[in-house]
């Protein structure tokens, strides 16, 4: 059986969005190296509950690296030190016994704080609502193989569809930009034959909504490095290309001339 670890935690505590916040230190003496990071936080909250103190609020759901709700800053890095890993998939064996771990919420204007380590990521929902879908006509379902899908388009589309919407890209970006998330959600629809009819209108609607909440991309590349699914920033270039094409298309439809 693995020897228990001692971990010192410095955790951001804030009762609500309008309350003042501060870092609070805690110590855990019996952390198993086989625990996930969230299980370690469960252990902390059990200790706080036994003491009659308020447990630390943090977001979680599937705990399988799928839902994207577990994001938090761990020693200044979204999701922690292991690349390509969500917080729920990070294990305590990645830390040494006696390690000092600082945990805080994502710091971005587009993600207002709810409480402690929990932030409001509903801005991502607004982007999806703006165009992250393919309009389907009513009637009977078409045959599954009615529309041929090229293998290359399918592969790249699936790469983009891996995005779990955790927000690590926004948290890592010095500008608090949401381009990696938005471009991934656009690419997995825009590259498929079924998504072509709405490709450019979809791009304009989603990009315009994104710019309402998030900052501007200046190609730092931190988003790709922090992404637990390692989504490529190449998708941002594809989104920008489609956005320019959409603007030209709209001007032509409006009858505008070009110098």
C-alpha atoms as a PDB file:
ATOM      1  CA  UNK A   1       0.000   0.000   0.000  1.00  0.00           C
ATOM      2  CA  UNK A   2       1.331   3.432  -0.947  1.00  0.00           C
ATOM      3  CA  UNK A   3       2.507   5.578   1.938  1.00  0.00           C
ATOM      4  CA  UNK A   4       0.215   8.472   2.875  1.00  0.00           C
ATOM      5  CA  UNK A   5       1.344  11.962   1.906  1.00  0.00           C
ATOM      6  CA  UNK A   6       1.300  15.257   3.752  1.00  0.00           C
ATOM      7  CA  UNK A   7       0.045  18.158   1.670  1.00  0.00           C
ATOM      8  CA  UNK A   8      -0.172  21.845   2.550  1.00  0.00           C
ATOM      9  CA  UNK A   9      -2.946  23.659   0.692  1.00  0.00           C
ATOM     10  CA  UNK A  10      -3.486  27.350   0.119  1.00  0.00           C
ATOM     11  CA  UNK A  11      -7.060  27.720  -1.132  1.00  0.00           C
ATOM     12  CA  UNK A  12      -8.936  30.777  -2.342  1.00  0.00           C
ATOM     13  CA  UNK A  13     -12.058  31.313  -0.206  1.00  0.00           C
ATOM     14  CA  UNK A  14     -14.779  33.767  -1.210  1.00  0.00           C
ATOM     15  CA  UNK A  15     -18.370  33.517  -0.011  1.00  0.00           C
ATOM     16  CA  UNK A  16     -19.862  35.067  -3.150  1.00  0.00           C
ATOM     17  CA  UNK A  17     -19.221  37.312  -6.140  1.00  0.00           C
ATOM     18  CA  UNK A  18     -19.646  40.502  -4.103  1.00  0.00           C
ATOM     19  CA  UNK A  19     -17.787  39.320  -1.002  1.00  0.00           C
ATOM     20  CA  UNK A  20     -14.126  39.920  -0.309  1.00  0.00           C
ATOM     21  CA  UNK A  21     -11.885  36.892  -0.801  1.00  0.00           C
ATOM     22  CA  UNK A  22      -8.648  35.620   0.698  1.00  0.00           C
ATOM     23  CA  UNK A  23      -6.278  32.661   0.659  1.00  0.00           C
ATOM     24  CA  UNK A  24      -6.626  30.208   3.539  1.00  0.00           C
ATOM     25  CA  UNK A  25      -4.051  27.562   4.507  1.00  0.00           C
ATOM     26  CA  UNK A  26      -4.965  23.953   5.304  1.00  0.00           C
ATOM     27  CA  UNK A  27      -2.913  20.834   6.005  1.00  0.00           C
ATOM     28  CA  UNK A  28      -3.789  17.240   5.176  1.00  0.00           C
ATOM     29  CA  UNK A  29      -1.776  14.403   6.740  1.00  0.00           C
ATOM     30  CA  UNK A  30      -3.259  11.281   5.142  1.00  0.00           C
ATOM     31  CA  UNK A  31      -3.480  11.856   1.402  1.00  0.00           C
ATOM     32  CA  UNK A  32      -3.153   8.706  -0.686  1.00  0.00           C
ATOM     33  CA  UNK A  33      -0.976   9.067  -3.806  1.00  0.00           C
ATOM     34  CA  UNK A  34      -3.703   7.182  -5.651  1.00  0.00           C
ATOM     35  CA  UNK A  35      -6.338   9.825  -4.912  1.00  0.00           C
ATOM     36  CA  UNK A  36      -7.447  12.101  -7.700  1.00  0.00           C
ATOM     37  CA  UNK A  37      -7.081  15.815  -7.038  1.00  0.00           C
ATOM     38  CA  UNK A  38     -10.840  16.118  -6.529  1.00  0.00           C
ATOM     39  CA  UNK A  39     -10.830  13.213  -4.067  1.00  0.00           C
ATOM     40  CA  UNK A  40      -8.183  15.102  -2.137  1.00  0.00           C
ATOM     41  CA  UNK A  41     -10.521  18.112  -2.046  1.00  0.00           C
ATOM     42  CA  UNK A  42     -13.310  15.791  -0.879  1.00  0.00           C
ATOM     43  CA  UNK A  43     -11.036  14.760   2.000  1.00  0.00           C
ATOM     44  CA  UNK A  44     -10.412  18.419   2.831  1.00  0.00           C
ATOM     45  CA  UNK A  45     -14.151  19.131   2.847  1.00  0.00           C
ATOM     46  CA  UNK A  46     -14.836  16.144   5.085  1.00  0.00           C
ATOM     47  CA  UNK A  47     -12.292  17.532   7.561  1.00  0.00           C
ATOM     48  CA  UNK A  48     -13.865  21.005   7.402  1.00  0.00           C
ATOM     49  CA  UNK A  49     -17.372  19.593   7.855  1.00  0.00           C
ATOM     50  CA  UNK A  50     -16.296  17.653  10.952  1.00  0.00           C
ATOM     51  CA  UNK A  51     -14.917  20.900  12.369  1.00  0.00           C
ATOM     52  CA  UNK A  52     -18.186  22.699  11.643  1.00  0.00           C
ATOM     53  CA  UNK A  53     -16.567  24.897   8.988  1.00  0.00           C
ATOM     54  CA  UNK A  54     -17.846  25.760   5.514  1.00  0.00           C
ATOM     55  CA  UNK A  55     -16.564  23.281   2.888  1.00  0.00           C
ATOM     56  CA  UNK A  56     -14.754  24.553  -0.195  1.00  0.00           C
ATOM     57  CA  UNK A  57     -17.075  25.012  -3.179  1.00  0.00           C
ATOM     58  CA  UNK A  58     -15.748  23.614  -6.457  1.00  0.00           C
ATOM     59  CA  UNK A  59     -17.321  22.386  -9.681  1.00  0.00           C
ATOM     60  CA  UNK A  60     -17.387  18.713 -10.669  1.00  0.00           C
ATOM     61  CA  UNK A  61     -19.638  16.182 -12.327  1.00  0.00           C
ATOM     62  CA  UNK A  62     -18.450  13.173 -14.342  1.00  0.00           C
ATOM     63  CA  UNK A  63     -14.922  12.979 -12.851  1.00  0.00           C
ATOM     64  CA  UNK A  64     -13.853  11.186 -16.029  1.00  0.00           C
ATOM     65  CA  UNK A  65     -12.373  14.065 -18.021  1.00  0.00           C
ATOM     66  CA  UNK A  66     -15.481  14.459 -20.161  1.00  0.00           C
ATOM     67  CA  UNK A  67     -17.784  17.138 -18.715  1.00  0.00           C
ATOM     68  CA  UNK A  68     -15.233  19.961 -18.374  1.00  0.00           C
ATOM     69  CA  UNK A  69     -16.657  21.321 -15.131  1.00  0.00           C
ATOM     70  CA  UNK A  70     -13.659  20.593 -12.876  1.00  0.00           C
ATOM     71  CA  UNK A  71     -11.401  23.445 -13.976  1.00  0.00           C
ATOM     72  CA  UNK A  72      -9.352  25.343 -11.397  1.00  0.00           C
ATOM     73  CA  UNK A  73      -5.899  26.886 -11.178  1.00  0.00           C
ATOM     74  CA  UNK A  74      -3.384  24.603  -9.481  1.00  0.00           C
ATOM     75  CA  UNK A  75      -0.070  26.291  -8.695  1.00  0.00           C
ATOM     76  CA  UNK A  76      -0.925  28.885 -11.328  1.00  0.00           C
ATOM     77  CA  UNK A  77      -1.708  26.387 -14.107  1.00  0.00           C
ATOM     78  CA  UNK A  78      -5.227  25.499 -15.325  1.00  0.00           C
ATOM     79  CA  UNK A  79      -5.887  21.856 -14.346  1.00  0.00           C
ATOM     80  CA  UNK A  80      -2.429  21.516 -12.805  1.00  0.00           C
ATOM     81  CA  UNK A  81       1.041  20.363 -13.843  1.00  0.00           C
ATOM     82  CA  UNK A  82       0.238  17.364 -16.043  1.00  0.00           C
ATOM     83  CA  UNK A  83      -0.293  18.271 -19.684  1.00  0.00           C
ATOM     84  CA  UNK A  84      -3.369  16.926 -21.487  1.00  0.00           C
ATOM     85  CA  UNK A  85      -5.138  16.164 -18.196  1.00  0.00           C
ATOM     86  CA  UNK A  86      -8.283  17.558 -16.588  1.00  0.00           C
ATOM     87  CA  UNK A  87      -8.275  18.303 -12.855  1.00  0.00           C
ATOM     88  CA  UNK A  88     -10.359  15.209 -12.115  1.00  0.00           C
ATOM     89  CA  UNK A  89      -7.773  13.035 -13.905  1.00  0.00           C
ATOM     90  CA  UNK A  90      -4.819  14.517 -12.020  1.00  0.00           C
ATOM     91  CA  UNK A  91      -3.556  12.211  -9.268  1.00  0.00           C
ATOM     92  CA  UNK A  92      -1.793  13.198  -6.079  1.00  0.00           C
ATOM     93  CA  UNK A  93       1.204  11.046  -6.992  1.00  0.00           C
ATOM     94  CA  UNK A  94       2.177  13.923  -9.296  1.00  0.00           C
ATOM     95  CA  UNK A  95       3.052  15.847  -6.114  1.00  0.00           C
ATOM     96  CA  UNK A  96       5.652  15.053  -3.478  1.00  0.00           C
ATOM     97  CA  UNK A  97       4.820  14.507   0.169  1.00  0.00           C
ATOM     98  CA  UNK A  98       5.122  17.841   1.931  1.00  0.00           C
ATOM     99  CA  UNK A  99       4.288  19.759  -1.250  1.00  0.00           C
ATOM    100  CA  UNK A 100       2.652  23.178  -1.011  1.00  0.00           C
ATOM    101  CA  UNK A 101      -0.253  23.436  -3.488  1.00  0.00           C
ATOM    102  CA  UNK A 102      -2.062  26.706  -4.215  1.00  0.00           C
ATOM    103  CA  UNK A 103      -5.593  26.383  -5.599  1.00  0.00           C
ATOM    104  CA  UNK A 104      -7.642  29.265  -6.961  1.00  0.00           C
ATOM    105  CA  UNK A 105     -10.494  29.801  -9.423  1.00  0.00           C
ATOM    106  CA  UNK A 106     -10.091  30.687 -13.085  1.00  0.00           C
ATOM    107  CA  UNK A 107      -9.325  34.420 -13.288  1.00  0.00           C
ATOM    108  CA  UNK A 108     -11.043  35.843 -16.357  1.00  0.00           C
ATOM    109  CA  UNK A 109     -13.560  38.613 -16.929  1.00  0.00           C
ATOM    110  CA  UNK A 110     -15.703  36.217 -18.972  1.00  0.00           C
ATOM    111  CA  UNK A 111     -15.924  33.804 -16.009  1.00  0.00           C
ATOM    112  CA  UNK A 112     -17.330  35.736 -13.017  1.00  0.00           C
ATOM    113  CA  UNK A 113     -16.826  34.015  -9.701  1.00  0.00           C
ATOM    114  CA  UNK A 114     -19.688  32.178  -7.986  1.00  0.00           C
ATOM    115  CA  UNK A 115     -18.020  31.015  -4.785  1.00  0.00           C
ATOM    116  CA  UNK A 116     -14.554  29.811  -3.720  1.00  0.00           C
ATOM    117  CA  UNK A 117     -13.249  27.797  -6.719  1.00  0.00           C
ATOM    118  CA  UNK A 118     -16.488  27.882  -8.709  1.00  0.00           C
ATOM    119  CA  UNK A 119     -16.919  30.269 -11.652  1.00  0.00           C
ATOM    120  CA  UNK A 120     -19.806  31.024 -14.000  1.00  0.00           C
ATOM    121  CA  UNK A 121     -18.973  29.654 -17.454  1.00  0.00           C
ATOM    122  CA  UNK A 122     -22.395  30.348 -18.971  1.00  0.00           C
ATOM    123  CA  UNK A 123     -20.763  32.673 -21.542  1.00  0.00           C
ATOM    124  CA  UNK A 124     -19.745  29.482 -23.351  1.00  0.00           C
ATOM    125  CA  UNK A 125     -23.419  28.475 -23.455  1.00  0.00           C
ATOM    126  CA  UNK A 126     -24.284  31.800 -25.079  1.00  0.00           C
ATOM    127  CA  UNK A 127     -21.717  31.133 -27.822  1.00  0.00           C
ATOM    128  CA  UNK A 128     -23.180  27.687 -28.523  1.00  0.00           C
ATOM    129  CA  UNK A 129     -26.704  29.095 -28.555  1.00  0.00           C
ATOM    130  CA  UNK A 130     -25.606  31.610 -31.190  1.00  0.00           C
ATOM    131  CA  UNK A 131     -24.813  28.931 -33.764  1.00  0.00           C
ATOM    132  CA  UNK A 132     -23.266  25.751 -32.384  1.00  0.00           C
ATOM    133  CA  UNK A 133     -25.747  23.466 -34.110  1.00  0.00           C
ATOM    134  CA  UNK A 134     -26.907  22.311 -37.542  1.00  0.00           C
ATOM    135  CA  UNK A 135     -30.486  23.200 -38.441  1.00  0.00           C
ATOM    136  CA  UNK A 136     -32.373  20.019 -39.270  1.00  0.00           C
ATOM    137  CA  UNK A 137     -35.558  20.048 -41.342  1.00  0.00           C
ATOM    138  CA  UNK A 138     -38.592  18.381 -39.872  1.00  0.00           C
ATOM    139  CA  UNK A 139     -39.772  15.059 -41.225  1.00  0.00           C
ATOM    140  CA  UNK A 140     -38.446  11.523 -41.164  1.00  0.00           C
ATOM    141  CA  UNK A 141     -34.789  10.938 -40.380  1.00  0.00           C
ATOM    142  CA  UNK A 142     -32.526  10.540 -43.434  1.00  0.00           C
ATOM    143  CA  UNK A 143     -30.571   7.363 -43.990  1.00  0.00           C
ATOM    144  CA  UNK A 144     -27.354   7.265 -41.974  1.00  0.00           C
ATOM    145  CA  UNK A 145     -25.103   7.016 -45.041  1.00  0.00           C
ATOM    146  CA  UNK A 146     -27.053   9.379 -47.282  1.00  0.00           C
ATOM    147  CA  UNK A 147     -24.351  12.103 -47.129  1.00  0.00           C
ATOM    148  CA  UNK A 148     -20.791  10.819 -47.739  1.00  0.00           C
ATOM    149  CA  UNK A 149     -18.260  12.272 -45.277  1.00  0.00           C
ATOM    150  CA  UNK A 150     -14.616  12.457 -46.427  1.00  0.00           C
ATOM    151  CA  UNK A 151     -12.238  10.660 -44.061  1.00  0.00           C
ATOM    152  CA  UNK A 152      -9.974  13.705 -43.706  1.00  0.00           C
ATOM    153  CA  UNK A 153     -12.862  15.996 -42.790  1.00  0.00           C
ATOM    154  CA  UNK A 154     -14.186  13.429 -40.331  1.00  0.00           C
ATOM    155  CA  UNK A 155     -10.820  13.035 -38.583  1.00  0.00           C
ATOM    156  CA  UNK A 156     -10.175  16.778 -38.172  1.00  0.00           C
ATOM    157  CA  UNK A 157     -13.774  17.406 -37.138  1.00  0.00           C
ATOM    158  CA  UNK A 158     -13.463  14.765 -34.422  1.00  0.00           C
ATOM    159  CA  UNK A 159     -10.212  16.361 -33.218  1.00  0.00           C
ATOM    160  CA  UNK A 160     -12.105  19.627 -32.736  1.00  0.00           C
ATOM    161  CA  UNK A 161     -15.093  17.891 -31.152  1.00  0.00           C
ATOM    162  CA  UNK A 162     -12.864  16.684 -28.287  1.00  0.00           C
ATOM    163  CA  UNK A 163     -13.235  20.121 -26.674  1.00  0.00           C
ATOM    164  CA  UNK A 164     -15.014  19.707 -23.327  1.00  0.00           C
ATOM    165  CA  UNK A 165     -15.638  23.414 -22.735  1.00  0.00           C
ATOM    166  CA  UNK A 166     -13.708  23.519 -19.464  1.00  0.00           C
ATOM    167  CA  UNK A 167     -12.439  27.069 -19.987  1.00  0.00           C
ATOM    168  CA  UNK A 168      -8.745  26.325 -19.382  1.00  0.00           C
ATOM    169  CA  UNK A 169      -7.941  28.122 -22.636  1.00  0.00           C
ATOM    170  CA  UNK A 170      -9.550  31.315 -21.333  1.00  0.00           C
ATOM    171  CA  UNK A 171      -7.901  31.020 -17.916  1.00  0.00           C
ATOM    172  CA  UNK A 172      -4.450  30.503 -19.443  1.00  0.00           C
ATOM    173  CA  UNK A 173      -4.714  33.330 -21.972  1.00  0.00           C
ATOM    174  CA  UNK A 174      -3.157  36.649 -20.848  1.00  0.00           C
ATOM    175  CA  UNK A 175      -6.050  38.383 -22.641  1.00  0.00           C
ATOM    176  CA  UNK A 176      -8.804  36.112 -21.320  1.00  0.00           C
ATOM    177  CA  UNK A 177      -9.656  35.185 -24.912  1.00  0.00           C
ATOM    178  CA  UNK A 178     -12.190  32.504 -25.886  1.00  0.00           C
ATOM    179  CA  UNK A 179     -10.949  31.840 -29.417  1.00  0.00           C
ATOM    180  CA  UNK A 180      -9.774  28.244 -28.923  1.00  0.00           C
ATOM    181  CA  UNK A 181     -13.117  27.099 -27.498  1.00  0.00           C
ATOM    182  CA  UNK A 182     -15.114  28.948 -30.153  1.00  0.00           C
ATOM    183  CA  UNK A 183     -12.946  27.781 -33.042  1.00  0.00           C
ATOM    184  CA  UNK A 184     -13.156  24.157 -31.903  1.00  0.00           C
ATOM    185  CA  UNK A 185     -16.941  24.323 -31.670  1.00  0.00           C
ATOM    186  CA  UNK A 186     -17.075  25.928 -35.122  1.00  0.00           C
ATOM    187  CA  UNK A 187     -14.642  23.522 -36.764  1.00  0.00           C
ATOM    188  CA  UNK A 188     -16.380  20.316 -35.784  1.00  0.00           C
ATOM    189  CA  UNK A 189     -19.518  21.584 -37.572  1.00  0.00           C
ATOM    190  CA  UNK A 190     -17.996  23.703 -40.359  1.00  0.00           C
ATOM    191  CA  UNK A 191     -15.785  20.899 -41.672  1.00  0.00           C
ATOM    192  CA  UNK A 192     -18.633  18.432 -42.121  1.00  0.00           C
ATOM    193  CA  UNK A 193     -20.783  18.356 -45.291  1.00  0.00           C
ATOM    194  CA  UNK A 194     -23.905  18.752 -43.143  1.00  0.00           C
ATOM    195  CA  UNK A 195     -22.562  22.019 -41.733  1.00  0.00           C
ATOM    196  CA  UNK A 196     -21.824  23.796 -45.008  1.00  0.00           C
ATOM    197  CA  UNK A 197     -25.209  25.464 -45.539  1.00  0.00           C
ATOM    198  CA  UNK A 198     -24.850  27.574 -42.373  1.00  0.00           C
ATOM    199  CA  UNK A 199     -21.046  27.701 -42.217  1.00  0.00           C
ATOM    200  CA  UNK A 200     -20.475  31.429 -42.661  1.00  0.00           C
ATOM    201  CA  UNK A 201     -23.584  32.692 -40.857  1.00  0.00           C
ATOM    202  CA  UNK A 202     -22.735  30.362 -37.983  1.00  0.00           C
ATOM    203  CA  UNK A 203     -19.195  31.722 -37.844  1.00  0.00           C
ATOM    204  CA  UNK A 204     -20.312  35.355 -37.698  1.00  0.00           C
ATOM    205  CA  UNK A 205     -22.923  34.713 -35.004  1.00  0.00           C
ATOM    206  CA  UNK A 206     -20.618  32.718 -32.750  1.00  0.00           C
ATOM    207  CA  UNK A 207     -17.621  35.034 -33.158  1.00  0.00           C
ATOM    208  CA  UNK A 208     -19.734  38.121 -32.508  1.00  0.00           C
ATOM    209  CA  UNK A 209     -21.125  36.524 -29.335  1.00  0.00           C
ATOM    210  CA  UNK A 210     -17.648  35.450 -28.215  1.00  0.00           C
ATOM    211  CA  UNK A 211     -16.327  38.991 -28.546  1.00  0.00           C
ATOM    212  CA  UNK A 212     -19.078  40.203 -26.227  1.00  0.00           C
ATOM    213  CA  UNK A 213     -17.608  38.223 -23.328  1.00  0.00           C
ATOM    214  CA  UNK A 214     -13.943  37.539 -24.005  1.00  0.00           C
ATOM    215  CA  UNK A 215     -10.717  39.282 -24.942  1.00  0.00           C
ATOM    216  CA  UNK A 216      -8.759  39.368 -28.178  1.00  0.00           C
ATOM    217  CA  UNK A 217      -6.416  36.626 -29.365  1.00  0.00           C
ATOM    218  CA  UNK A 218      -2.806  37.734 -29.817  1.00  0.00           C
ATOM    219  CA  UNK A 219      -1.325  34.289 -30.508  1.00  0.00           C
ATOM    220  CA  UNK A 220       0.420  33.605 -27.205  1.00  0.00           C
ATOM    221  CA  UNK A 221      -0.356  29.895 -27.601  1.00  0.00           C
ATOM    222  CA  UNK A 222      -1.025  29.423 -23.872  1.00  0.00           C
ATOM    223  CA  UNK A 223      -4.510  28.109 -24.684  1.00  0.00           C
ATOM    224  CA  UNK A 224      -3.212  25.082 -26.575  1.00  0.00           C
ATOM    225  CA  UNK A 225      -0.663  24.311 -23.851  1.00  0.00           C
ATOM    226  CA  UNK A 226      -3.317  24.413 -21.117  1.00  0.00           C
ATOM    227  CA  UNK A 227      -6.055  22.503 -22.973  1.00  0.00           C
ATOM    228  CA  UNK A 228      -6.668  19.089 -21.362  1.00  0.00           C
ATOM    229  CA  UNK A 229      -7.624  17.729 -24.804  1.00  0.00           C
ATOM    230  CA  UNK A 230      -4.688  19.461 -26.540  1.00  0.00           C
ATOM    231  CA  UNK A 231      -6.884  21.216 -29.107  1.00  0.00           C
ATOM    232  CA  UNK A 232      -4.706  22.800 -31.799  1.00  0.00           C
ATOM    233  CA  UNK A 233      -4.577  26.558 -32.315  1.00  0.00           C
ATOM    234  CA  UNK A 234      -4.776  25.774 -36.040  1.00  0.00           C
ATOM    235  CA  UNK A 235      -8.545  25.868 -35.517  1.00  0.00           C
ATOM    236  CA  UNK A 236      -8.283  29.565 -34.598  1.00  0.00           C
ATOM    237  CA  UNK A 237      -6.669  30.256 -37.974  1.00  0.00           C
ATOM    238  CA  UNK A 238      -9.492  28.352 -39.694  1.00  0.00           C
ATOM    239  CA  UNK A 239     -12.103  30.350 -37.755  1.00  0.00           C
ATOM    240  CA  UNK A 240     -10.456  33.650 -38.682  1.00  0.00           C
ATOM    241  CA  UNK A 241     -10.339  32.633 -42.344  1.00  0.00           C
ATOM    242  CA  UNK A 242     -14.034  31.732 -42.336  1.00  0.00           C
ATOM    243  CA  UNK A 243     -14.904  34.957 -40.525  1.00  0.00           C
ATOM    244  CA  UNK A 244     -13.175  37.082 -43.189  1.00  0.00           C
ATOM    245  CA  UNK A 245     -14.923  35.120 -45.949  1.00  0.00           C
ATOM    246  CA  UNK A 246     -18.250  35.620 -44.164  1.00  0.00           C
ATOM    247  CA  UNK A 247     -17.713  39.382 -43.977  1.00  0.00           C
ATOM    248  CA  UNK A 248     -16.970  39.558 -47.720  1.00  0.00           C
ATOM    249  CA  UNK A 249     -19.997  37.419 -48.474  1.00  0.00           C
ATOM    250  CA  UNK A 250     -22.266  39.681 -46.422  1.00  0.00           C
ATOM    251  CA  UNK A 251     -20.945  42.786 -48.205  1.00  0.00           C
ATOM    252  CA  UNK A 252     -21.593  41.243 -51.603  1.00  0.00           C
ATOM    253  CA  UNK A 253     -25.126  40.346 -50.609  1.00  0.00           C
ATOM    254  CA  UNK A 254     -25.635  43.921 -49.426  1.00  0.00           C
ATOM    255  CA  UNK A 255     -24.468  45.219 -52.801  1.00  0.00           C
ATOM    256  CA  UNK A 256     -21.385  46.957 -51.449  1.00  0.00           C
ATOM    257  CA  UNK A 257     -18.460  47.614 -53.775  1.00  0.00           C
ATOM    258  CA  UNK A 258     -14.795  47.227 -52.975  1.00  0.00           C
ATOM    259  CA  UNK A 259     -11.975  49.642 -53.769  1.00  0.00           C
END
